[in-house]
Amino acid sequence: NITSTMGRVAGRGFAAYGTAKAALAHYTRLSALDLAPRIRVNAIAPGSILTSALDIVASNEDLRTPMEQATPLRRLGDPLDIAAAAVYLASPAGSYLTGKTLEVDGGINFPNLELPIPDL
């Protein structure tokens, strides 16, 4: 399963998205119990990964720099970071993991981009 860091941290403007991703993380835990011991179920929770979804951020230093500075590893993720996590979970090295969400997010504990939404 692919969930998101926004399923764990709170940020303005992410209520529906964050709720759906948190539900997917819980579904992962529940499915792991239902399908064990023969099938393992895990999730990956990407943070800010340089995909087409972040094209605007990647091409604008005024947006990219604050996001990088708000990430403990001081960079945005690469799609290969997610691929490496998937390979790990599918490999013998990850064979004792089930029901877990592997966070591949550069260490963030809060959103590294605030959405400019008005106060109600």
PDB file of N, CA and C in Angstrom:
ATOM      1  N   ASN A   1       0.841  -1.177   0.000  1.00  0.00           N
ATOM      2  CA  ASN A   1       0.000   0.000   0.000  1.00  0.00           C
ATOM      3  C   ASN A   1       0.886   1.240   0.000  1.00  0.00           C
ATOM      4  N   ILE A   2       0.431   2.283  -0.662  1.00  0.00           N
ATOM      5  CA  ILE A   2       1.113   3.574  -0.621  1.00  0.00           C
ATOM      6  C   ILE A   2       0.205   4.537   0.123  1.00  0.00           C
ATOM      7  N   THR A   3       0.640   4.934   1.294  1.00  0.00           N
ATOM      8  CA  THR A   3      -0.097   5.905   2.087  1.00  0.00           C
ATOM      9  C   THR A   3       0.652   7.231   1.973  1.00  0.00           C
ATOM     10  N   SER A   4       0.764   8.000   3.016  1.00  0.00           N
ATOM     11  CA  SER A   4       1.456   9.281   2.954  1.00  0.00           C
ATOM     12  C   SER A   4       1.827   9.727   4.354  1.00  0.00           C
ATOM     13  N   THR A   5       2.873  10.516   4.429  1.00  0.00           N
ATOM     14  CA  THR A   5       3.217  11.135   5.706  1.00  0.00           C
ATOM     15  C   THR A   5       2.042  11.961   6.214  1.00  0.00           C
ATOM     16  N   MET A   6       1.236  12.515   5.318  1.00  0.00           N
ATOM     17  CA  MET A   6       0.087  13.326   5.736  1.00  0.00           C
ATOM     18  C   MET A   6      -0.985  12.491   6.431  1.00  0.00           C
ATOM     19  N   GLY A   7      -0.869  11.185   6.423  1.00  0.00           N
ATOM     20  CA  GLY A   7      -1.753  10.343   7.215  1.00  0.00           C
ATOM     21  C   GLY A   7      -1.342  10.290   8.671  1.00  0.00           C
ATOM     22  N   ARG A   8      -0.166  10.836   8.985  1.00  0.00           N
ATOM     23  CA  ARG A   8       0.363  10.828  10.351  1.00  0.00           C
ATOM     24  C   ARG A   8       0.495  12.225  10.938  1.00  0.00           C
ATOM     25  N   VAL A   9       0.809  13.210  10.110  1.00  0.00           N
ATOM     26  CA  VAL A   9       0.988  14.573  10.605  1.00  0.00           C
ATOM     27  C   VAL A   9      -0.214  15.424  10.204  1.00  0.00           C
ATOM     28  N   ALA A  10      -0.426  16.504  10.916  1.00  0.00           N
ATOM     29  CA  ALA A  10      -1.568  17.379  10.640  1.00  0.00           C
ATOM     30  C   ALA A  10      -1.102  18.634   9.921  1.00  0.00           C
ATOM     31  N   GLY A  11      -1.831  19.010   8.889  1.00  0.00           N
ATOM     32  CA  GLY A  11      -1.534  20.232   8.159  1.00  0.00           C
ATOM     33  C   GLY A  11      -2.809  20.819   7.590  1.00  0.00           C
ATOM     34  N   ARG A  12      -2.877  22.132   7.575  1.00  0.00           N
ATOM     35  CA  ARG A  12      -4.068  22.807   7.045  1.00  0.00           C
ATOM     36  C   ARG A  12      -4.272  22.458   5.580  1.00  0.00           C
ATOM     37  N   GLY A  13      -5.521  22.212   5.237  1.00  0.00           N
ATOM     38  CA  GLY A  13      -5.865  21.930   3.851  1.00  0.00           C
ATOM     39  C   GLY A  13      -5.740  20.468   3.452  1.00  0.00           C
ATOM     40  N   PHE A  14      -5.381  19.613   4.407  1.00  0.00           N
ATOM     41  CA  PHE A  14      -5.174  18.203   4.096  1.00  0.00           C
ATOM     42  C   PHE A  14      -6.178  17.290   4.808  1.00  0.00           C
ATOM     43  N   ALA A  15      -7.314  17.817   5.247  1.00  0.00           N
ATOM     44  CA  ALA A  15      -8.249  17.013   6.053  1.00  0.00           C
ATOM     45  C   ALA A  15      -8.705  15.750   5.317  1.00  0.00           C
ATOM     46  N   ALA A  16      -9.204  15.880   4.120  1.00  0.00           N
ATOM     47  CA  ALA A  16      -9.710  14.706   3.398  1.00  0.00           C
ATOM     48  C   ALA A  16      -8.567  13.775   3.003  1.00  0.00           C
ATOM     49  N   TYR A  17      -7.513  14.335   2.445  1.00  0.00           N
ATOM     50  CA  TYR A  17      -6.368  13.529   2.003  1.00  0.00           C
ATOM     51  C   TYR A  17      -5.716  12.816   3.185  1.00  0.00           C
ATOM     52  N   GLY A  18      -5.451  13.547   4.255  1.00  0.00           N
ATOM     53  CA  GLY A  18      -4.814  12.957   5.431  1.00  0.00           C
ATOM     54  C   GLY A  18      -5.662  11.885   6.075  1.00  0.00           C
ATOM     55  N   THR A  19      -6.968  12.103   6.127  1.00  0.00           N
ATOM     56  CA  THR A  19      -7.873  11.107   6.700  1.00  0.00           C
ATOM     57  C   THR A  19      -7.861   9.827   5.868  1.00  0.00           C
ATOM     58  N   ALA A  20      -7.911   9.973   4.557  1.00  0.00           N
ATOM     59  CA  ALA A  20      -7.887   8.794   3.681  1.00  0.00           C
ATOM     60  C   ALA A  20      -6.576   8.027   3.825  1.00  0.00           C
ATOM     61  N   LYS A  21      -5.469   8.734   3.911  1.00  0.00           N
ATOM     62  CA  LYS A  21      -4.172   8.068   4.034  1.00  0.00           C
ATOM     63  C   LYS A  21      -4.008   7.419   5.408  1.00  0.00           C
ATOM     64  N   ALA A  22      -4.539   8.034   6.455  1.00  0.00           N
ATOM     65  CA  ALA A  22      -4.505   7.411   7.785  1.00  0.00           C
ATOM     66  C   ALA A  22      -5.346   6.139   7.791  1.00  0.00           C
ATOM     67  N   ALA A  23      -6.479   6.177   7.107  1.00  0.00           N
ATOM     68  CA  ALA A  23      -7.328   4.984   7.018  1.00  0.00           C
ATOM     69  C   ALA A  23      -6.597   3.862   6.283  1.00  0.00           C
ATOM     70  N   LEU A  24      -5.851   4.194   5.250  1.00  0.00           N
ATOM     71  CA  LEU A  24      -5.102   3.175   4.514  1.00  0.00           C
ATOM     72  C   LEU A  24      -4.009   2.558   5.392  1.00  0.00           C
ATOM     73  N   ALA A  25      -3.382   3.361   6.229  1.00  0.00           N
ATOM     74  CA  ALA A  25      -2.372   2.822   7.153  1.00  0.00           C
ATOM     75  C   ALA A  25      -3.025   1.851   8.135  1.00  0.00           C
ATOM     76  N   HIS A  26      -4.208   2.187   8.616  1.00  0.00           N
ATOM     77  CA  HIS A  26      -4.902   1.287   9.545  1.00  0.00           C
ATOM     78  C   HIS A  26      -5.379   0.027   8.814  1.00  0.00           C
ATOM     79  N   TYR A  27      -5.853   0.181   7.594  1.00  0.00           N
ATOM     80  CA  TYR A  27      -6.231  -0.972   6.774  1.00  0.00           C
ATOM     81  C   TYR A  27      -5.036  -1.918   6.616  1.00  0.00           C
ATOM     82  N   THR A  28      -3.856  -1.356   6.454  1.00  0.00           N
ATOM     83  CA  THR A  28      -2.637  -2.163   6.336  1.00  0.00           C
ATOM     84  C   THR A  28      -2.446  -3.011   7.586  1.00  0.00           C
ATOM     85  N   ARG A  29      -2.603  -2.401   8.761  1.00  0.00           N
ATOM     86  CA  ARG A  29      -2.442  -3.147  10.017  1.00  0.00           C
ATOM     87  C   ARG A  29      -3.498  -4.240  10.149  1.00  0.00           C
ATOM     88  N   LEU A  30      -4.740  -3.909   9.830  1.00  0.00           N
ATOM     89  CA  LEU A  30      -5.826  -4.888   9.943  1.00  0.00           C
ATOM     90  C   LEU A  30      -5.648  -6.035   8.947  1.00  0.00           C
ATOM     91  N   SER A  31      -5.294  -5.710   7.718  1.00  0.00           N
ATOM     92  CA  SER A  31      -5.100  -6.746   6.697  1.00  0.00           C
ATOM     93  C   SER A  31      -3.934  -7.658   7.041  1.00  0.00           C
ATOM     94  N   ALA A  32      -2.905  -7.105   7.657  1.00  0.00           N
ATOM     95  CA  ALA A  32      -1.759  -7.923   8.055  1.00  0.00           C
ATOM     96  C   ALA A  32      -2.193  -8.999   9.039  1.00  0.00           C
ATOM     97  N   LEU A  33      -3.084  -8.658   9.960  1.00  0.00           N
ATOM     98  CA  LEU A  33      -3.584  -9.651  10.915  1.00  0.00           C
ATOM     99  C   LEU A  33      -4.444 -10.697  10.222  1.00  0.00           C
ATOM    100  N   ASP A  34      -5.296 -10.245   9.313  1.00  0.00           N
ATOM    101  CA  ASP A  34      -6.198 -11.168   8.621  1.00  0.00           C
ATOM    102  C   ASP A  34      -5.458 -12.134   7.697  1.00  0.00           C
ATOM    103  N   LEU A  35      -4.375 -11.709   7.097  1.00  0.00           N
ATOM    104  CA  LEU A  35      -3.706 -12.507   6.070  1.00  0.00           C
ATOM    105  C   LEU A  35      -2.463 -13.251   6.557  1.00  0.00           C
ATOM    106  N   ALA A  36      -2.013 -12.954   7.761  1.00  0.00           N
ATOM    107  CA  ALA A  36      -0.841 -13.662   8.308  1.00  0.00           C
ATOM    108  C   ALA A  36      -1.215 -15.109   8.582  1.00  0.00           C
ATOM    109  N   PRO A  37      -0.306 -16.030   8.542  1.00  0.00           N
ATOM    110  CA  PRO A  37       1.136 -15.842   8.397  1.00  0.00           C
ATOM    111  C   PRO A  37       1.643 -15.967   6.968  1.00  0.00           C
ATOM    112  N   ARG A  38       0.784 -16.291   6.031  1.00  0.00           N
ATOM    113  CA  ARG A  38       1.275 -16.575   4.672  1.00  0.00           C
ATOM    114  C   ARG A  38       1.497 -15.328   3.826  1.00  0.00           C
ATOM    115  N   ILE A  39       0.764 -14.267   4.122  1.00  0.00           N
ATOM    116  CA  ILE A  39       0.877 -13.046   3.321  1.00  0.00           C
ATOM    117  C   ILE A  39       1.224 -11.890   4.251  1.00  0.00           C
ATOM    118  N   ARG A  40       2.240 -11.127   3.854  1.00  0.00           N
ATOM    119  CA  ARG A  40       2.625  -9.936   4.607  1.00  0.00           C
ATOM    120  C   ARG A  40       2.008  -8.715   3.941  1.00  0.00           C
ATOM    121  N   VAL A  41       1.559  -7.774   4.745  1.00  0.00           N
ATOM    122  CA  VAL A  41       0.960  -6.545   4.232  1.00  0.00           C
ATOM    123  C   VAL A  41       1.659  -5.370   4.911  1.00  0.00           C
ATOM    124  N   ASN A  42       2.250  -4.513   4.117  1.00  0.00           N
ATOM    125  CA  ASN A  42       2.931  -3.328   4.624  1.00  0.00           C
ATOM    126  C   ASN A  42       2.569  -2.137   3.752  1.00  0.00           C
ATOM    127  N   ALA A  43       2.951  -0.974   4.205  1.00  0.00           N
ATOM    128  CA  ALA A  43       2.703   0.252   3.449  1.00  0.00           C
ATOM    129  C   ALA A  43       3.970   1.092   3.426  1.00  0.00           C
ATOM    130  N   ILE A  44       4.034   1.955   2.457  1.00  0.00           N
ATOM    131  CA  ILE A  44       5.090   2.958   2.367  1.00  0.00           C
ATOM    132  C   ILE A  44       4.405   4.315   2.446  1.00  0.00           C
ATOM    133  N   ALA A  45       4.939   5.184   3.306  1.00  0.00           N
ATOM    134  CA  ALA A  45       4.402   6.537   3.462  1.00  0.00           C
ATOM    135  C   ALA A  45       5.434   7.538   2.951  1.00  0.00           C
ATOM    136  N   PRO A  46       5.329   7.926   1.683  1.00  0.00           N
ATOM    137  CA  PRO A  46       6.270   8.913   1.162  1.00  0.00           C
ATOM    138  C   PRO A  46       6.016  10.292   1.753  1.00  0.00           C
ATOM    139  N   GLY A  47       7.086  11.044   1.863  1.00  0.00           N
ATOM    140  CA  GLY A  47       6.976  12.463   2.177  1.00  0.00           C
ATOM    141  C   GLY A  47       6.941  13.232   0.866  1.00  0.00           C
ATOM    142  N   SER A  48       7.679  14.314   0.802  1.00  0.00           N
ATOM    143  CA  SER A  48       7.732  15.142  -0.407  1.00  0.00           C
ATOM    144  C   SER A  48       8.724  14.528  -1.390  1.00  0.00           C
ATOM    145  N   ILE A  49       8.189  13.882  -2.403  1.00  0.00           N
ATOM    146  CA  ILE A  49       8.991  13.175  -3.400  1.00  0.00           C
ATOM    147  C   ILE A  49       8.919  13.945  -4.721  1.00  0.00           C
ATOM    148  N   LEU A  50      10.050  14.101  -5.376  1.00  0.00           N
ATOM    149  CA  LEU A  50      10.120  14.874  -6.618  1.00  0.00           C
ATOM    150  C   LEU A  50       9.503  14.103  -7.783  1.00  0.00           C
ATOM    151  N   THR A  51       8.178  14.115  -7.814  1.00  0.00           N
ATOM    152  CA  THR A  51       7.409  13.549  -8.919  1.00  0.00           C
ATOM    153  C   THR A  51       6.686  14.696  -9.612  1.00  0.00           C
ATOM    154  N   SER A  52       5.882  14.385 -10.609  1.00  0.00           N
ATOM    155  CA  SER A  52       5.146  15.439 -11.318  1.00  0.00           C
ATOM    156  C   SER A  52       4.215  16.209 -10.384  1.00  0.00           C
ATOM    157  N   ALA A  53       3.817  15.598  -9.272  1.00  0.00           N
ATOM    158  CA  ALA A  53       2.956  16.302  -8.313  1.00  0.00           C
ATOM    159  C   ALA A  53       3.669  17.499  -7.687  1.00  0.00           C
ATOM    160  N   LEU A  54       4.992  17.477  -7.683  1.00  0.00           N
ATOM    161  CA  LEU A  54       5.763  18.583  -7.101  1.00  0.00           C
ATOM    162  C   LEU A  54       6.511  19.398  -8.154  1.00  0.00           C
ATOM    163  N   ASP A  55       6.097  19.320  -9.413  1.00  0.00           N
ATOM    164  CA  ASP A  55       6.776  20.076 -10.471  1.00  0.00           C
ATOM    165  C   ASP A  55       6.827  21.570 -10.166  1.00  0.00           C
ATOM    166  N   ILE A  56       5.731  22.131  -9.677  1.00  0.00           N
ATOM    167  CA  ILE A  56       5.697  23.569  -9.384  1.00  0.00           C
ATOM    168  C   ILE A  56       6.689  23.903  -8.281  1.00  0.00           C
ATOM    169  N   VAL A  57       6.733  23.066  -7.257  1.00  0.00           N
ATOM    170  CA  VAL A  57       7.667  23.281  -6.147  1.00  0.00           C
ATOM    171  C   VAL A  57       9.106  23.121  -6.624  1.00  0.00           C
ATOM    172  N   ALA A  58       9.372  22.075  -7.379  1.00  0.00           N
ATOM    173  CA  ALA A  58      10.739  21.781  -7.819  1.00  0.00           C
ATOM    174  C   ALA A  58      11.319  22.891  -8.684  1.00  0.00           C
ATOM    175  N   SER A  59      10.480  23.552  -9.447  1.00  0.00           N
ATOM    176  CA  SER A  59      10.962  24.584 -10.367  1.00  0.00           C
ATOM    177  C   SER A  59      10.951  25.984  -9.767  1.00  0.00           C
ATOM    178  N   ASN A  60      10.517  26.123  -8.512  1.00  0.00           N
ATOM    179  CA  ASN A  60      10.420  27.438  -7.876  1.00  0.00           C
ATOM    180  C   ASN A  60      11.244  27.430  -6.590  1.00  0.00           C
ATOM    181  N   GLU A  61      12.399  28.087  -6.629  1.00  0.00           N
ATOM    182  CA  GLU A  61      13.290  28.098  -5.460  1.00  0.00           C
ATOM    183  C   GLU A  61      12.616  28.687  -4.223  1.00  0.00           C
ATOM    184  N   ASP A  62      11.683  29.637  -4.414  1.00  0.00           N
ATOM    185  CA  ASP A  62      10.982  30.231  -3.268  1.00  0.00           C
ATOM    186  C   ASP A  62      10.098  29.216  -2.551  1.00  0.00           C
ATOM    187  N   LEU A  63       9.672  28.171  -3.238  1.00  0.00           N
ATOM    188  CA  LEU A  63       8.894  27.097  -2.622  1.00  0.00           C
ATOM    189  C   LEU A  63       9.790  25.929  -2.212  1.00  0.00           C
ATOM    190  N   ARG A  64      10.721  25.590  -3.084  1.00  0.00           N
ATOM    191  CA  ARG A  64      11.563  24.411  -2.837  1.00  0.00           C
ATOM    192  C   ARG A  64      12.478  24.590  -1.629  1.00  0.00           C
ATOM    193  N   THR A  65      13.146  25.725  -1.532  1.00  0.00           N
ATOM    194  CA  THR A  65      14.112  25.934  -0.451  1.00  0.00           C
ATOM    195  C   THR A  65      13.481  25.805   0.930  1.00  0.00           C
ATOM    196  N   PRO A  66      12.332  26.444   1.206  1.00  0.00           N
ATOM    197  CA  PRO A  66      11.726  26.259   2.535  1.00  0.00           C
ATOM    198  C   PRO A  66      11.309  24.813   2.811  1.00  0.00           C
ATOM    199  N   MET A  67      10.857  24.106   1.778  1.00  0.00           N
ATOM    200  CA  MET A  67      10.500  22.696   1.975  1.00  0.00           C
ATOM    201  C   MET A  67      11.727  21.877   2.336  1.00  0.00           C
ATOM    202  N   GLU A  68      12.819  22.132   1.644  1.00  0.00           N
ATOM    203  CA  GLU A  68      14.055  21.407   1.951  1.00  0.00           C
ATOM    204  C   GLU A  68      14.552  21.748   3.353  1.00  0.00           C
ATOM    205  N   GLN A  69      14.471  23.012   3.727  1.00  0.00           N
ATOM    206  CA  GLN A  69      14.936  23.431   5.050  1.00  0.00           C
ATOM    207  C   GLN A  69      14.061  22.869   6.163  1.00  0.00           C
ATOM    208  N   ALA A  70      12.794  22.598   5.882  1.00  0.00           N
ATOM    209  CA  ALA A  70      11.880  22.041   6.889  1.00  0.00           C
ATOM    210  C   ALA A  70      11.987  20.520   6.983  1.00  0.00           C
ATOM    211  N   THR A  71      12.811  19.929   6.135  1.00  0.00           N
ATOM    212  CA  THR A  71      13.026  18.481   6.136  1.00  0.00           C
ATOM    213  C   THR A  71      14.370  18.199   6.794  1.00  0.00           C
ATOM    214  N   PRO A  72      14.411  17.374   7.852  1.00  0.00           N
ATOM    215  CA  PRO A  72      15.675  17.132   8.541  1.00  0.00           C
ATOM    216  C   PRO A  72      16.833  16.705   7.634  1.00  0.00           C
ATOM    217  N   LEU A  73      16.579  15.934   6.590  1.00  0.00           N
ATOM    218  CA  LEU A  73      17.661  15.544   5.684  1.00  0.00           C
ATOM    219  C   LEU A  73      17.998  16.625   4.663  1.00  0.00           C
ATOM    220  N   ARG A  74      17.283  17.750   4.713  1.00  0.00           N
ATOM    221  CA  ARG A  74      17.544  18.935   3.892  1.00  0.00           C
ATOM    222  C   ARG A  74      17.495  18.685   2.388  1.00  0.00           C
ATOM    223  N   ARG A  75      16.631  17.774   1.995  1.00  0.00           N
ATOM    224  CA  ARG A  75      16.403  17.549   0.564  1.00  0.00           C
ATOM    225  C   ARG A  75      15.017  16.969   0.396  1.00  0.00           C
ATOM    226  N   LEU A  76      14.506  17.062  -0.816  1.00  0.00           N
ATOM    227  CA  LEU A  76      13.261  16.393  -1.157  1.00  0.00           C
ATOM    228  C   LEU A  76      13.607  14.994  -1.645  1.00  0.00           C
ATOM    229  N   GLY A  77      12.654  14.099  -1.527  1.00  0.00           N
ATOM    230  CA  GLY A  77      12.909  12.713  -1.892  1.00  0.00           C
ATOM    231  C   GLY A  77      12.931  12.489  -3.393  1.00  0.00           C
ATOM    232  N   ASP A  78      13.587  11.425  -3.758  1.00  0.00           N
ATOM    233  CA  ASP A  78      13.678  10.991  -5.142  1.00  0.00           C
ATOM    234  C   ASP A  78      12.782   9.754  -5.295  1.00  0.00           C
ATOM    235  N   PRO A  79      12.141   9.567  -6.437  1.00  0.00           N
ATOM    236  CA  PRO A  79      11.342   8.355  -6.614  1.00  0.00           C
ATOM    237  C   PRO A  79      12.115   7.069  -6.321  1.00  0.00           C
ATOM    238  N   LEU A  80      13.427   7.084  -6.542  1.00  0.00           N
ATOM    239  CA  LEU A  80      14.231   5.898  -6.236  1.00  0.00           C
ATOM    240  C   LEU A  80      14.255   5.591  -4.742  1.00  0.00           C
ATOM    241  N   ASP A  81      14.044   6.603  -3.896  1.00  0.00           N
ATOM    242  CA  ASP A  81      13.947   6.356  -2.453  1.00  0.00           C
ATOM    243  C   ASP A  81      12.745   5.467  -2.145  1.00  0.00           C
ATOM    244  N   ILE A  82      11.648   5.701  -2.852  1.00  0.00           N
ATOM    245  CA  ILE A  82      10.436   4.898  -2.651  1.00  0.00           C
ATOM    246  C   ILE A  82      10.642   3.501  -3.239  1.00  0.00           C
ATOM    247  N   ALA A  83      11.266   3.442  -4.405  1.00  0.00           N
ATOM    248  CA  ALA A  83      11.543   2.137  -5.024  1.00  0.00           C
ATOM    249  C   ALA A  83      12.417   1.284  -4.117  1.00  0.00           C
ATOM    250  N   ALA A  84      13.423   1.885  -3.502  1.00  0.00           N
ATOM    251  CA  ALA A  84      14.308   1.137  -2.601  1.00  0.00           C
ATOM    252  C   ALA A  84      13.541   0.607  -1.395  1.00  0.00           C
ATOM    253  N   ALA A  85      12.601   1.386  -0.887  1.00  0.00           N
ATOM    254  CA  ALA A  85      11.784   0.929   0.240  1.00  0.00           C
ATOM    255  C   ALA A  85      10.920  -0.258  -0.172  1.00  0.00           C
ATOM    256  N   ALA A  86      10.353  -0.199  -1.375  1.00  0.00           N
ATOM    257  CA  ALA A  86       9.522  -1.311  -1.858  1.00  0.00           C
ATOM    258  C   ALA A  86      10.355  -2.579  -2.040  1.00  0.00           C
ATOM    259  N   VAL A  87      11.556  -2.432  -2.576  1.00  0.00           N
ATOM    260  CA  VAL A  87      12.445  -3.589  -2.744  1.00  0.00           C
ATOM    261  C   VAL A  87      12.778  -4.180  -1.382  1.00  0.00           C
ATOM    262  N   TYR A  88      13.087  -3.332  -0.412  1.00  0.00           N
ATOM    263  CA  TYR A  88      13.391  -3.815   0.938  1.00  0.00           C
ATOM    264  C   TYR A  88      12.217  -4.606   1.512  1.00  0.00           C
ATOM    265  N   LEU A  89      11.013  -4.050   1.431  1.00  0.00           N
ATOM    266  CA  LEU A  89       9.845  -4.731   1.999  1.00  0.00           C
ATOM    267  C   LEU A  89       9.568  -6.062   1.304  1.00  0.00           C
ATOM    268  N   ALA A  90       9.856  -6.150   0.016  1.00  0.00           N
ATOM    269  CA  ALA A  90       9.598  -7.382  -0.736  1.00  0.00           C
ATOM    270  C   ALA A  90      10.732  -8.399  -0.629  1.00  0.00           C
ATOM    271  N   SER A  91      11.862  -7.975  -0.114  1.00  0.00           N
ATOM    272  CA  SER A  91      13.043  -8.839  -0.064  1.00  0.00           C
ATOM    273  C   SER A  91      13.083  -9.679   1.214  1.00  0.00           C
ATOM    274  N   PRO A  92      13.980 -10.652   1.268  1.00  0.00           N
ATOM    275  CA  PRO A  92      14.161 -11.414   2.507  1.00  0.00           C
ATOM    276  C   PRO A  92      14.522 -10.527   3.701  1.00  0.00           C
ATOM    277  N   ALA A  93      15.170  -9.396   3.449  1.00  0.00           N
ATOM    278  CA  ALA A  93      15.532  -8.491   4.550  1.00  0.00           C
ATOM    279  C   ALA A  93      14.299  -7.951   5.268  1.00  0.00           C
ATOM    280  N   GLY A  94      13.180  -7.858   4.565  1.00  0.00           N
ATOM    281  CA  GLY A  94      11.949  -7.361   5.167  1.00  0.00           C
ATOM    282  C   GLY A  94      10.970  -8.456   5.541  1.00  0.00           C
ATOM    283  N   SER A  95      11.441  -9.691   5.602  1.00  0.00           N
ATOM    284  CA  SER A  95      10.528 -10.826   5.779  1.00  0.00           C
ATOM    285  C   SER A  95       9.886 -10.922   7.159  1.00  0.00           C
ATOM    286  N   TYR A  96      10.380 -10.183   8.140  1.00  0.00           N
ATOM    287  CA  TYR A  96       9.778 -10.236   9.474  1.00  0.00           C
ATOM    288  C   TYR A  96       8.950  -8.986   9.756  1.00  0.00           C
ATOM    289  N   LEU A  97       8.569  -8.286   8.714  1.00  0.00           N
ATOM    290  CA  LEU A  97       7.730  -7.099   8.842  1.00  0.00           C
ATOM    291  C   LEU A  97       6.360  -7.378   8.256  1.00  0.00           C
ATOM    292  N   THR A  98       5.350  -7.066   9.016  1.00  0.00           N
ATOM    293  CA  THR A  98       3.984  -7.073   8.489  1.00  0.00           C
ATOM    294  C   THR A  98       3.161  -6.105   9.323  1.00  0.00           C
ATOM    295  N   GLY A  99       2.216  -5.458   8.669  1.00  0.00           N
ATOM    296  CA  GLY A  99       1.369  -4.490   9.352  1.00  0.00           C
ATOM    297  C   GLY A  99       2.061  -3.178   9.641  1.00  0.00           C
ATOM    298  N   LYS A 100       3.162  -2.921   8.979  1.00  0.00           N
ATOM    299  CA  LYS A 100       3.954  -1.727   9.258  1.00  0.00           C
ATOM    300  C   LYS A 100       3.860  -0.720   8.125  1.00  0.00           C
ATOM    301  N   THR A 101       4.022   0.536   8.494  1.00  0.00           N
ATOM    302  CA  THR A 101       4.130   1.609   7.520  1.00  0.00           C
ATOM    303  C   THR A 101       5.551   2.137   7.582  1.00  0.00           C
ATOM    304  N   LEU A 102       6.264   2.010   6.489  1.00  0.00           N
ATOM    305  CA  LEU A 102       7.635   2.493   6.393  1.00  0.00           C
ATOM    306  C   LEU A 102       7.585   3.934   5.901  1.00  0.00           C
ATOM    307  N   GLU A 103       7.990   4.856   6.750  1.00  0.00           N
ATOM    308  CA  GLU A 103       7.948   6.275   6.407  1.00  0.00           C
ATOM    309  C   GLU A 103       9.236   6.660   5.684  1.00  0.00           C
ATOM    310  N   VAL A 104       9.086   7.087   4.456  1.00  0.00           N
ATOM    311  CA  VAL A 104      10.214   7.508   3.624  1.00  0.00           C
ATOM    312  C   VAL A 104       9.995   8.994   3.357  1.00  0.00           C
ATOM    313  N   ASP A 105      10.355   9.797   4.358  1.00  0.00           N
ATOM    314  CA  ASP A 105       9.949  11.199   4.351  1.00  0.00           C
ATOM    315  C   ASP A 105      11.044  12.179   4.756  1.00  0.00           C
ATOM    316  N   GLY A 106      12.276  11.724   4.827  1.00  0.00           N
ATOM    317  CA  GLY A 106      13.356  12.629   5.198  1.00  0.00           C
ATOM    318  C   GLY A 106      13.346  13.029   6.658  1.00  0.00           C
ATOM    319  N   GLY A 107      12.482  12.402   7.454  1.00  0.00           N
ATOM    320  CA  GLY A 107      12.443  12.670   8.890  1.00  0.00           C
ATOM    321  C   GLY A 107      11.461  13.728   9.336  1.00  0.00           C
ATOM    322  N   ILE A 108      10.523  14.132   8.479  1.00  0.00           N
ATOM    323  CA  ILE A 108       9.622  15.222   8.876  1.00  0.00           C
ATOM    324  C   ILE A 108       8.636  14.772   9.950  1.00  0.00           C
ATOM    325  N   ASN A 109       8.305  15.696  10.832  1.00  0.00           N
ATOM    326  CA  ASN A 109       7.313  15.471  11.880  1.00  0.00           C
ATOM    327  C   ASN A 109       6.175  16.471  11.798  1.00  0.00           C
ATOM    328  N   PHE A 110       6.197  17.300  10.784  1.00  0.00           N
ATOM    329  CA  PHE A 110       5.147  18.274  10.534  1.00  0.00           C
ATOM    330  C   PHE A 110       5.186  18.577   9.043  1.00  0.00           C
ATOM    331  N   PRO A 111       4.114  19.112   8.478  1.00  0.00           N
ATOM    332  CA  PRO A 111       4.119  19.394   7.042  1.00  0.00           C
ATOM    333  C   PRO A 111       5.245  20.365   6.688  1.00  0.00           C
ATOM    334  N   ASN A 112       5.931  20.095   5.593  1.00  0.00           N
ATOM    335  CA  ASN A 112       6.989  21.005   5.171  1.00  0.00           C
ATOM    336  C   ASN A 112       6.511  21.976   4.096  1.00  0.00           C
ATOM    337  N   LEU A 113       5.195  22.029   3.888  1.00  0.00           N
ATOM    338  CA  LEU A 113       4.588  23.013   2.993  1.00  0.00           C
ATOM    339  C   LEU A 113       3.201  23.333   3.529  1.00  0.00           C
ATOM    340  N   GLU A 114       2.966  24.585   3.815  1.00  0.00           N
ATOM    341  CA  GLU A 114       1.643  25.009   4.277  1.00  0.00           C
ATOM    342  C   GLU A 114       0.805  25.442   3.078  1.00  0.00           C
ATOM    343  N   LEU A 115      -0.428  25.000   3.042  1.00  0.00           N
ATOM    344  CA  LEU A 115      -1.341  25.451   1.997  1.00  0.00           C
ATOM    345  C   LEU A 115      -1.959  26.770   2.433  1.00  0.00           C
ATOM    346  N   PRO A 116      -1.961  27.760   1.550  1.00  0.00           N
ATOM    347  CA  PRO A 116      -2.522  29.065   1.915  1.00  0.00           C
ATOM    348  C   PRO A 116      -4.045  29.054   1.833  1.00  0.00           C
ATOM    349  N   ILE A 117      -4.685  28.587   2.885  1.00  0.00           N
ATOM    350  CA  ILE A 117      -6.146  28.580   2.900  1.00  0.00           C
ATOM    351  C   ILE A 117      -6.614  29.627   3.903  1.00  0.00           C
ATOM    352  N   PRO A 118      -7.753  30.259   3.626  1.00  0.00           N
ATOM    353  CA  PRO A 118      -8.230  31.321   4.523  1.00  0.00           C
ATOM    354  C   PRO A 118      -8.807  30.751   5.817  1.00  0.00           C
ATOM    355  N   ASP A 119      -8.717  31.547   6.866  1.00  0.00           N
ATOM    356  CA  ASP A 119      -9.383  31.191   8.118  1.00  0.00           C
ATOM    357  C   ASP A 119     -10.887  31.314   7.919  1.00  0.00           C
ATOM    358  N   LEU A 120     -11.630  30.446   8.565  1.00  0.00           N
ATOM    359  CA  LEU A 120     -13.094  30.525   8.470  1.00  0.00           C
ATOM    360  C   LEU A 120     -13.645  31.395   9.571  1.00  0.00           C
TER     361      LEU A 120
END
